[in-house]
Amino acid sequence: MLLKQYVSFQVWLATQKNSKNKGQSLAEYGLVLALIAVVCIAALTTLGNSISGMLEGLGSTIGGVSTSG
Protein backbone atom coordinates (compact mmCIF):
# COMPACT_ATOMS: atom_id res chain seq x y z
CA MET A 1 0.00 0.00 0.00
CA LEU A 2 2.77 2.44 0.94
CA LEU A 3 4.81 1.50 -2.12
CA LYS A 4 1.81 2.12 -4.36
CA GLN A 5 1.34 5.60 -2.87
CA TYR A 6 5.05 6.33 -3.27
CA VAL A 7 5.00 5.31 -6.94
CA SER A 8 1.85 7.32 -7.47
CA PHE A 9 3.52 10.36 -5.90
CA GLN A 10 6.62 9.93 -8.07
CA VAL A 11 4.49 9.76 -11.22
CA TRP A 12 2.59 12.88 -10.17
CA LEU A 13 5.86 14.68 -9.38
CA ALA A 14 7.34 13.73 -12.76
CA THR A 15 4.30 15.00 -14.65
CA GLN A 16 4.34 18.27 -12.73
CA LYS A 17 8.03 18.78 -13.46
CA ASN A 18 7.57 18.13 -17.20
CA SER A 19 4.63 20.50 -17.51
CA LYS A 20 6.63 23.29 -15.86
CA ASN A 21 9.56 22.70 -18.20
CA LYS A 22 7.31 22.83 -21.25
CA GLY A 23 5.86 26.13 -20.15
CA GLN A 24 9.30 27.50 -19.43
CA SER A 25 10.57 26.43 -22.85
CA LEU A 26 7.61 28.07 -24.54
CA ALA A 27 8.26 31.31 -22.67
CA GLU A 28 11.94 31.21 -23.63
CA TYR A 29 11.09 30.68 -27.29
CA GLY A 30 8.70 33.61 -27.10
CA LEU A 31 11.38 35.87 -25.64
CA VAL A 32 13.91 34.82 -28.27
CA LEU A 33 11.36 35.44 -31.03
CA ALA A 34 10.57 38.89 -29.62
CA LEU A 35 14.29 39.74 -29.46
CA ILE A 36 14.80 38.63 -33.07
CA ALA A 37 11.82 40.74 -34.15
CA VAL A 38 13.21 43.83 -32.40
CA VAL A 39 16.64 43.34 -33.99
CA CYS A 40 15.09 42.86 -37.44
CA ILE A 41 12.95 45.98 -37.11
CA ALA A 42 15.94 48.05 -35.97
CA ALA A 43 18.10 46.73 -38.82
CA LEU A 44 15.43 47.36 -41.44
CA THR A 45 14.83 50.88 -40.12
CA THR A 46 18.54 51.70 -40.26
CA LEU A 47 19.14 50.07 -43.63
CA GLY A 48 15.91 51.51 -45.02
CA ASN A 49 17.11 55.06 -44.38
CA SER A 50 20.52 54.31 -45.90
CA ILE A 51 19.05 52.67 -48.97
CA SER A 52 16.54 55.49 -49.41
CA GLY A 53 19.32 58.09 -49.35
CA MET A 54 21.39 56.08 -51.79
CA LEU A 55 18.49 55.72 -54.22
CA GLU A 56 17.69 59.43 -54.03
CA GLY A 57 21.33 60.24 -54.90
CA LEU A 58 21.26 57.77 -57.75
CA GLY A 59 18.01 59.26 -59.06
CA SER A 60 19.41 62.77 -59.04
CA THR A 61 22.57 61.58 -60.81
CA ILE A 62 20.56 59.82 -63.48
CA GLY A 63 18.30 62.83 -63.81
CA GLY A 64 21.31 65.07 -64.48
CA VAL A 65 22.64 62.94 -67.34
CA SER A 66 21.97 64.36 -70.78
CA THR A 67 20.30 61.97 -73.18
CA SER A 68 21.07 63.95 -76.34
CA GLY A 69 24.30 62.87 -77.93
PDB file of N, CA and C in Angstrom:
ATOM      1  N   MET A   1       0.828  -1.192   0.000  1.00  0.00           N
ATOM      2  CA  MET A   1       0.000   0.000   0.000  1.00  0.00           C
ATOM      3  C   MET A   1       0.869   1.250   0.000  1.00  0.00           C
ATOM      4  N   LEU A   2       1.878   1.282   0.853  1.00  0.00           N
ATOM      5  CA  LEU A   2       2.767   2.441   0.939  1.00  0.00           C
ATOM      6  C   LEU A   2       3.609   2.580  -0.332  1.00  0.00           C
ATOM      7  N   LEU A   3       4.034   1.466  -0.882  1.00  0.00           N
ATOM      8  CA  LEU A   3       4.813   1.496  -2.119  1.00  0.00           C
ATOM      9  C   LEU A   3       3.969   2.027  -3.273  1.00  0.00           C
ATOM     10  N   LYS A   4       2.697   1.652  -3.312  1.00  0.00           N
ATOM     11  CA  LYS A   4       1.805   2.124  -4.358  1.00  0.00           C
ATOM     12  C   LYS A   4       1.611   3.640  -4.262  1.00  0.00           C
ATOM     13  N   GLN A   5       1.478   4.155  -3.068  1.00  0.00           N
ATOM     14  CA  GLN A   5       1.340   5.601  -2.874  1.00  0.00           C
ATOM     15  C   GLN A   5       2.627   6.330  -3.258  1.00  0.00           C
ATOM     16  N   TYR A   6       3.755   5.725  -2.926  1.00  0.00           N
ATOM     17  CA  TYR A   6       5.048   6.325  -3.272  1.00  0.00           C
ATOM     18  C   TYR A   6       5.219   6.405  -4.791  1.00  0.00           C
ATOM     19  N   VAL A   7       4.895   5.328  -5.476  1.00  0.00           N
ATOM     20  CA  VAL A   7       5.003   5.305  -6.935  1.00  0.00           C
ATOM     21  C   VAL A   7       4.031   6.309  -7.536  1.00  0.00           C
ATOM     22  N   SER A   8       2.841   6.368  -7.000  1.00  0.00           N
ATOM     23  CA  SER A   8       1.849   7.318  -7.475  1.00  0.00           C
ATOM     24  C   SER A   8       2.345   8.749  -7.287  1.00  0.00           C
ATOM     25  N   PHE A   9       2.964   9.029  -6.154  1.00  0.00           N
ATOM     26  CA  PHE A   9       3.519  10.361  -5.895  1.00  0.00           C
ATOM     27  C   PHE A   9       4.654  10.679  -6.863  1.00  0.00           C
ATOM     28  N   GLN A  10       5.514   9.718  -7.140  1.00  0.00           N
ATOM     29  CA  GLN A  10       6.625   9.927  -8.068  1.00  0.00           C
ATOM     30  C   GLN A  10       6.115  10.213  -9.482  1.00  0.00           C
ATOM     31  N   VAL A  11       5.081   9.518  -9.898  1.00  0.00           N
ATOM     32  CA  VAL A  11       4.492   9.755 -11.219  1.00  0.00           C
ATOM     33  C   VAL A  11       3.902  11.156 -11.267  1.00  0.00           C
ATOM     34  N   TRP A  12       3.180  11.532 -10.228  1.00  0.00           N
ATOM     35  CA  TRP A  12       2.594  12.880 -10.166  1.00  0.00           C
ATOM     36  C   TRP A  12       3.690  13.939 -10.204  1.00  0.00           C
ATOM     37  N   LEU A  13       4.755  13.725  -9.434  1.00  0.00           N
ATOM     38  CA  LEU A  13       5.857  14.678  -9.383  1.00  0.00           C
ATOM     39  C   LEU A  13       6.533  14.808 -10.747  1.00  0.00           C
ATOM     40  N   ALA A  14       6.713  13.702 -11.439  1.00  0.00           N
ATOM     41  CA  ALA A  14       7.340  13.727 -12.765  1.00  0.00           C
ATOM     42  C   ALA A  14       6.473  14.480 -13.765  1.00  0.00           C
ATOM     43  N   THR A  15       5.165  14.291 -13.704  1.00  0.00           N
ATOM     44  CA  THR A  15       4.298  14.997 -14.647  1.00  0.00           C
ATOM     45  C   THR A  15       4.249  16.489 -14.339  1.00  0.00           C
ATOM     46  N   GLN A  16       4.327  16.861 -13.090  1.00  0.00           N
ATOM     47  CA  GLN A  16       4.337  18.274 -12.732  1.00  0.00           C
ATOM     48  C   GLN A  16       5.634  18.939 -13.190  1.00  0.00           C
ATOM     49  N   LYS A  17       6.730  18.238 -13.046  1.00  0.00           N
ATOM     50  CA  LYS A  17       8.026  18.779 -13.460  1.00  0.00           C
ATOM     51  C   LYS A  17       8.062  18.979 -14.972  1.00  0.00           C
ATOM     52  N   ASN A  18       7.557  18.024 -15.738  1.00  0.00           N
ATOM     53  CA  ASN A  18       7.567  18.128 -17.197  1.00  0.00           C
ATOM     54  C   ASN A  18       6.674  19.256 -17.684  1.00  0.00           C
ATOM     55  N   SER A  19       5.526  19.441 -17.056  1.00  0.00           N
ATOM     56  CA  SER A  19       4.634  20.500 -17.510  1.00  0.00           C
ATOM     57  C   SER A  19       5.234  21.870 -17.236  1.00  0.00           C
ATOM     58  N   LYS A  20       5.971  22.014 -16.143  1.00  0.00           N
ATOM     59  CA  LYS A  20       6.629  23.293 -15.860  1.00  0.00           C
ATOM     60  C   LYS A  20       7.738  23.559 -16.865  1.00  0.00           C
ATOM     61  N   ASN A  21       8.475  22.528 -17.224  1.00  0.00           N
ATOM     62  CA  ASN A  21       9.558  22.705 -18.197  1.00  0.00           C
ATOM     63  C   ASN A  21       9.008  23.079 -19.566  1.00  0.00           C
ATOM     64  N   LYS A  22       7.899  22.499 -19.952  1.00  0.00           N
ATOM     65  CA  LYS A  22       7.315  22.828 -21.251  1.00  0.00           C
ATOM     66  C   LYS A  22       6.876  24.281 -21.291  1.00  0.00           C
ATOM     67  N   GLY A  23       6.272  24.737 -20.216  1.00  0.00           N
ATOM     68  CA  GLY A  23       5.856  26.134 -20.149  1.00  0.00           C
ATOM     69  C   GLY A  23       7.047  27.076 -20.160  1.00  0.00           C
ATOM     70  N   GLN A  24       8.086  26.686 -19.464  1.00  0.00           N
ATOM     71  CA  GLN A  24       9.296  27.498 -19.428  1.00  0.00           C
ATOM     72  C   GLN A  24       9.935  27.556 -20.808  1.00  0.00           C
ATOM     73  N   SER A  25       9.990  26.449 -21.503  1.00  0.00           N
ATOM     74  CA  SER A  25      10.575  26.434 -22.845  1.00  0.00           C
ATOM     75  C   SER A  25       9.778  27.314 -23.793  1.00  0.00           C
ATOM     76  N   LEU A  26       8.461  27.256 -23.689  1.00  0.00           N
ATOM     77  CA  LEU A  26       7.614  28.068 -24.544  1.00  0.00           C
ATOM     78  C   LEU A  26       7.847  29.554 -24.276  1.00  0.00           C
ATOM     79  N   ALA A  27       7.991  29.912 -23.014  1.00  0.00           N
ATOM     80  CA  ALA A  27       8.260  31.311 -22.672  1.00  0.00           C
ATOM     81  C   ALA A  27       9.622  31.749 -23.206  1.00  0.00           C
ATOM     82  N   GLU A  28      10.609  30.881 -23.115  1.00  0.00           N
ATOM     83  CA  GLU A  28      11.941  31.211 -23.628  1.00  0.00           C
ATOM     84  C   GLU A  28      11.906  31.392 -25.144  1.00  0.00           C
ATOM     85  N   TYR A  29      11.207  30.530 -25.841  1.00  0.00           N
ATOM     86  CA  TYR A  29      11.091  30.683 -27.292  1.00  0.00           C
ATOM     87  C   TYR A  29      10.390  31.987 -27.650  1.00  0.00           C
ATOM     88  N   GLY A  30       9.391  32.342 -26.872  1.00  0.00           N
ATOM     89  CA  GLY A  30       8.698  33.608 -27.103  1.00  0.00           C
ATOM     90  C   GLY A  30       9.605  34.801 -26.917  1.00  0.00           C
ATOM     91  N   LEU A  31      10.443  34.764 -25.878  1.00  0.00           N
ATOM     92  CA  LEU A  31      11.380  35.867 -25.643  1.00  0.00           C
ATOM     93  C   LEU A  31      12.422  35.959 -26.748  1.00  0.00           C
ATOM     94  N   VAL A  32      12.919  34.825 -27.188  1.00  0.00           N
ATOM     95  CA  VAL A  32      13.906  34.818 -28.272  1.00  0.00           C
ATOM     96  C   VAL A  32      13.276  35.353 -29.556  1.00  0.00           C
ATOM     97  N   LEU A  33      12.054  34.955 -29.836  1.00  0.00           N
ATOM     98  CA  LEU A  33      11.359  35.438 -31.030  1.00  0.00           C
ATOM     99  C   LEU A  33      11.130  36.942 -30.959  1.00  0.00           C
ATOM    100  N   ALA A  34      10.765  37.443 -29.783  1.00  0.00           N
ATOM    101  CA  ALA A  34      10.567  38.885 -29.620  1.00  0.00           C
ATOM    102  C   ALA A  34      11.884  39.636 -29.818  1.00  0.00           C
ATOM    103  N   LEU A  35      12.983  39.101 -29.296  1.00  0.00           N
ATOM    104  CA  LEU A  35      14.288  39.736 -29.463  1.00  0.00           C
ATOM    105  C   LEU A  35      14.691  39.764 -30.933  1.00  0.00           C
ATOM    106  N   ILE A  36      14.468  38.670 -31.639  1.00  0.00           N
ATOM    107  CA  ILE A  36      14.797  38.626 -33.069  1.00  0.00           C
ATOM    108  C   ILE A  36      13.955  39.642 -33.836  1.00  0.00           C
ATOM    109  N   ALA A  37      12.684  39.766 -33.475  1.00  0.00           N
ATOM    110  CA  ALA A  37      11.819  40.737 -34.153  1.00  0.00           C
ATOM    111  C   ALA A  37      12.311  42.159 -33.926  1.00  0.00           C
ATOM    112  N   VAL A  38      12.716  42.482 -32.699  1.00  0.00           N
ATOM    113  CA  VAL A  38      13.211  43.832 -32.404  1.00  0.00           C
ATOM    114  C   VAL A  38      14.491  44.117 -33.185  1.00  0.00           C
ATOM    115  N   VAL A  39      15.385  43.150 -33.247  1.00  0.00           N
ATOM    116  CA  VAL A  39      16.643  43.336 -33.990  1.00  0.00           C
ATOM    117  C   VAL A  39      16.355  43.520 -35.483  1.00  0.00           C
ATOM    118  N   CYS A  40      15.433  42.731 -36.025  1.00  0.00           N
ATOM    119  CA  CYS A  40      15.091  42.864 -37.444  1.00  0.00           C
ATOM    120  C   CYS A  40      14.469  44.224 -37.751  1.00  0.00           C
ATOM    121  N   ILE A  41      13.580  44.672 -36.889  1.00  0.00           N
ATOM    122  CA  ILE A  41      12.951  45.978 -37.105  1.00  0.00           C
ATOM    123  C   ILE A  41      13.983  47.090 -37.045  1.00  0.00           C
ATOM    124  N   ALA A  42      14.891  47.024 -36.077  1.00  0.00           N
ATOM    125  CA  ALA A  42      15.935  48.049 -35.970  1.00  0.00           C
ATOM    126  C   ALA A  42      16.851  48.028 -37.193  1.00  0.00           C
ATOM    127  N   ALA A  43      17.218  46.835 -37.645  1.00  0.00           N
ATOM    128  CA  ALA A  43      18.095  46.728 -38.819  1.00  0.00           C
ATOM    129  C   ALA A  43      17.406  47.252 -40.071  1.00  0.00           C
ATOM    130  N   LEU A  44      16.144  46.895 -40.252  1.00  0.00           N
ATOM    131  CA  LEU A  44      15.427  47.364 -41.437  1.00  0.00           C
ATOM    132  C   LEU A  44      15.219  48.872 -41.414  1.00  0.00           C
ATOM    133  N   THR A  45      14.984  49.428 -40.233  1.00  0.00           N
ATOM    134  CA  THR A  45      14.827  50.881 -40.123  1.00  0.00           C
ATOM    135  C   THR A  45      16.125  51.586 -40.500  1.00  0.00           C
ATOM    136  N   THR A  46      17.237  51.096 -39.967  1.00  0.00           N
ATOM    137  CA  THR A  46      18.537  51.700 -40.260  1.00  0.00           C
ATOM    138  C   THR A  46      18.906  51.522 -41.731  1.00  0.00           C
ATOM    139  N   LEU A  47      18.787  50.326 -42.231  1.00  0.00           N
ATOM    140  CA  LEU A  47      19.144  50.069 -43.632  1.00  0.00           C
ATOM    141  C   LEU A  47      18.166  50.750 -44.578  1.00  0.00           C
ATOM    142  N   GLY A  48      16.912  50.848 -44.175  1.00  0.00           N
ATOM    143  CA  GLY A  48      15.914  51.510 -45.018  1.00  0.00           C
ATOM    144  C   GLY A  48      16.267  52.960 -45.260  1.00  0.00           C
ATOM    145  N   ASN A  49      16.710  53.663 -44.221  1.00  0.00           N
ATOM    146  CA  ASN A  49      17.110  55.057 -44.379  1.00  0.00           C
ATOM    147  C   ASN A  49      18.353  55.179 -45.261  1.00  0.00           C
ATOM    148  N   SER A  50      19.299  54.281 -45.086  1.00  0.00           N
ATOM    149  CA  SER A  50      20.519  54.309 -45.902  1.00  0.00           C
ATOM    150  C   SER A  50      20.204  54.029 -47.370  1.00  0.00           C
ATOM    151  N   ILE A  51      19.399  53.034 -47.603  1.00  0.00           N
ATOM    152  CA  ILE A  51      19.046  52.673 -48.974  1.00  0.00           C
ATOM    153  C   ILE A  51      18.233  53.789 -49.626  1.00  0.00           C
ATOM    154  N   SER A  52      17.344  54.396 -48.871  1.00  0.00           N
ATOM    155  CA  SER A  52      16.539  55.494 -49.410  1.00  0.00           C
ATOM    156  C   SER A  52      17.424  56.662 -49.836  1.00  0.00           C
ATOM    157  N   GLY A  53      18.400  57.004 -48.998  1.00  0.00           N
ATOM    158  CA  GLY A  53      19.324  58.085 -49.349  1.00  0.00           C
ATOM    159  C   GLY A  53      20.152  57.755 -50.574  1.00  0.00           C
ATOM    160  N   MET A  54      20.587  56.502 -50.650  1.00  0.00           N
ATOM    161  CA  MET A  54      21.392  56.081 -51.792  1.00  0.00           C
ATOM    162  C   MET A  54      20.575  56.133 -53.084  1.00  0.00           C
ATOM    163  N   LEU A  55      19.328  55.691 -53.024  1.00  0.00           N
ATOM    164  CA  LEU A  55      18.488  55.715 -54.222  1.00  0.00           C
ATOM    165  C   LEU A  55      18.134  57.139 -54.651  1.00  0.00           C
ATOM    166  N   GLU A  56      17.950  58.034 -53.684  1.00  0.00           N
ATOM    167  CA  GLU A  56      17.687  59.431 -54.031  1.00  0.00           C
ATOM    168  C   GLU A  56      18.898  60.051 -54.732  1.00  0.00           C
ATOM    169  N   GLY A  57      20.107  59.759 -54.248  1.00  0.00           N
ATOM    170  CA  GLY A  57      21.329  60.239 -54.901  1.00  0.00           C
ATOM    171  C   GLY A  57      21.476  59.673 -56.290  1.00  0.00           C
ATOM    172  N   LEU A  58      21.176  58.408 -56.442  1.00  0.00           N
ATOM    173  CA  LEU A  58      21.263  57.769 -57.749  1.00  0.00           C
ATOM    174  C   LEU A  58      20.243  58.375 -58.711  1.00  0.00           C
ATOM    175  N   GLY A  59      19.045  58.651 -58.220  1.00  0.00           N
ATOM    176  CA  GLY A  59      18.015  59.257 -59.056  1.00  0.00           C
ATOM    177  C   GLY A  59      18.399  60.646 -59.516  1.00  0.00           C
ATOM    178  N   SER A  60      18.999  61.428 -58.632  1.00  0.00           N
ATOM    179  CA  SER A  60      19.409  62.772 -59.042  1.00  0.00           C
ATOM    180  C   SER A  60      20.581  62.715 -60.019  1.00  0.00           C
ATOM    181  N   THR A  61      21.454  61.745 -59.867  1.00  0.00           N
ATOM    182  CA  THR A  61      22.569  61.581 -60.814  1.00  0.00           C
ATOM    183  C   THR A  61      22.047  61.178 -62.188  1.00  0.00           C
ATOM    184  N   ILE A  62      21.135  60.241 -62.191  1.00  0.00           N
ATOM    185  CA  ILE A  62      20.562  59.821 -63.477  1.00  0.00           C
ATOM    186  C   ILE A  62      19.769  60.942 -64.107  1.00  0.00           C
ATOM    187  N   GLY A  63      19.078  61.732 -63.289  1.00  0.00           N
ATOM    188  CA  GLY A  63      18.296  62.832 -63.811  1.00  0.00           C
ATOM    189  C   GLY A  63      19.170  63.932 -64.428  1.00  0.00           C
ATOM    190  N   GLY A  64      20.397  64.042 -63.963  1.00  0.00           N
ATOM    191  CA  GLY A  64      21.311  65.069 -64.480  1.00  0.00           C
ATOM    192  C   GLY A  64      22.047  64.658 -65.733  1.00  0.00           C
ATOM    193  N   VAL A  65      21.942  63.414 -66.140  1.00  0.00           N
ATOM    194  CA  VAL A  65      22.638  62.939 -67.341  1.00  0.00           C
ATOM    195  C   VAL A  65      21.870  63.374 -68.567  1.00  0.00           C
ATOM    196  N   SER A  66      22.589  63.925 -69.534  1.00  0.00           N
ATOM    197  CA  SER A  66      21.971  64.363 -70.783  1.00  0.00           C
ATOM    198  C   SER A  66      21.774  63.195 -71.709  1.00  0.00           C
ATOM    199  N   THR A  67      20.589  63.081 -72.281  1.00  0.00           N
ATOM    200  CA  THR A  67      20.299  61.975 -73.182  1.00  0.00           C
ATOM    201  C   THR A  67      20.565  62.318 -74.642  1.00  0.00           C
ATOM    202  N   SER A  68      20.789  63.594 -74.938  1.00  0.00           N
ATOM    203  CA  SER A  68      21.072  63.950 -76.343  1.00  0.00           C
ATOM    204  C   SER A  68      22.567  63.785 -76.592  1.00  0.00           C
ATOM    205  N   GLY A  69      22.916  63.179 -77.667  1.00  0.00           N
ATOM    206  CA  GLY A  69      24.304  62.870 -77.927  1.00  0.00           C
ATOM    207  C   GLY A  69      24.862  63.662 -78.977  1.00  0.00           C
TER     208      GLY A  69
END
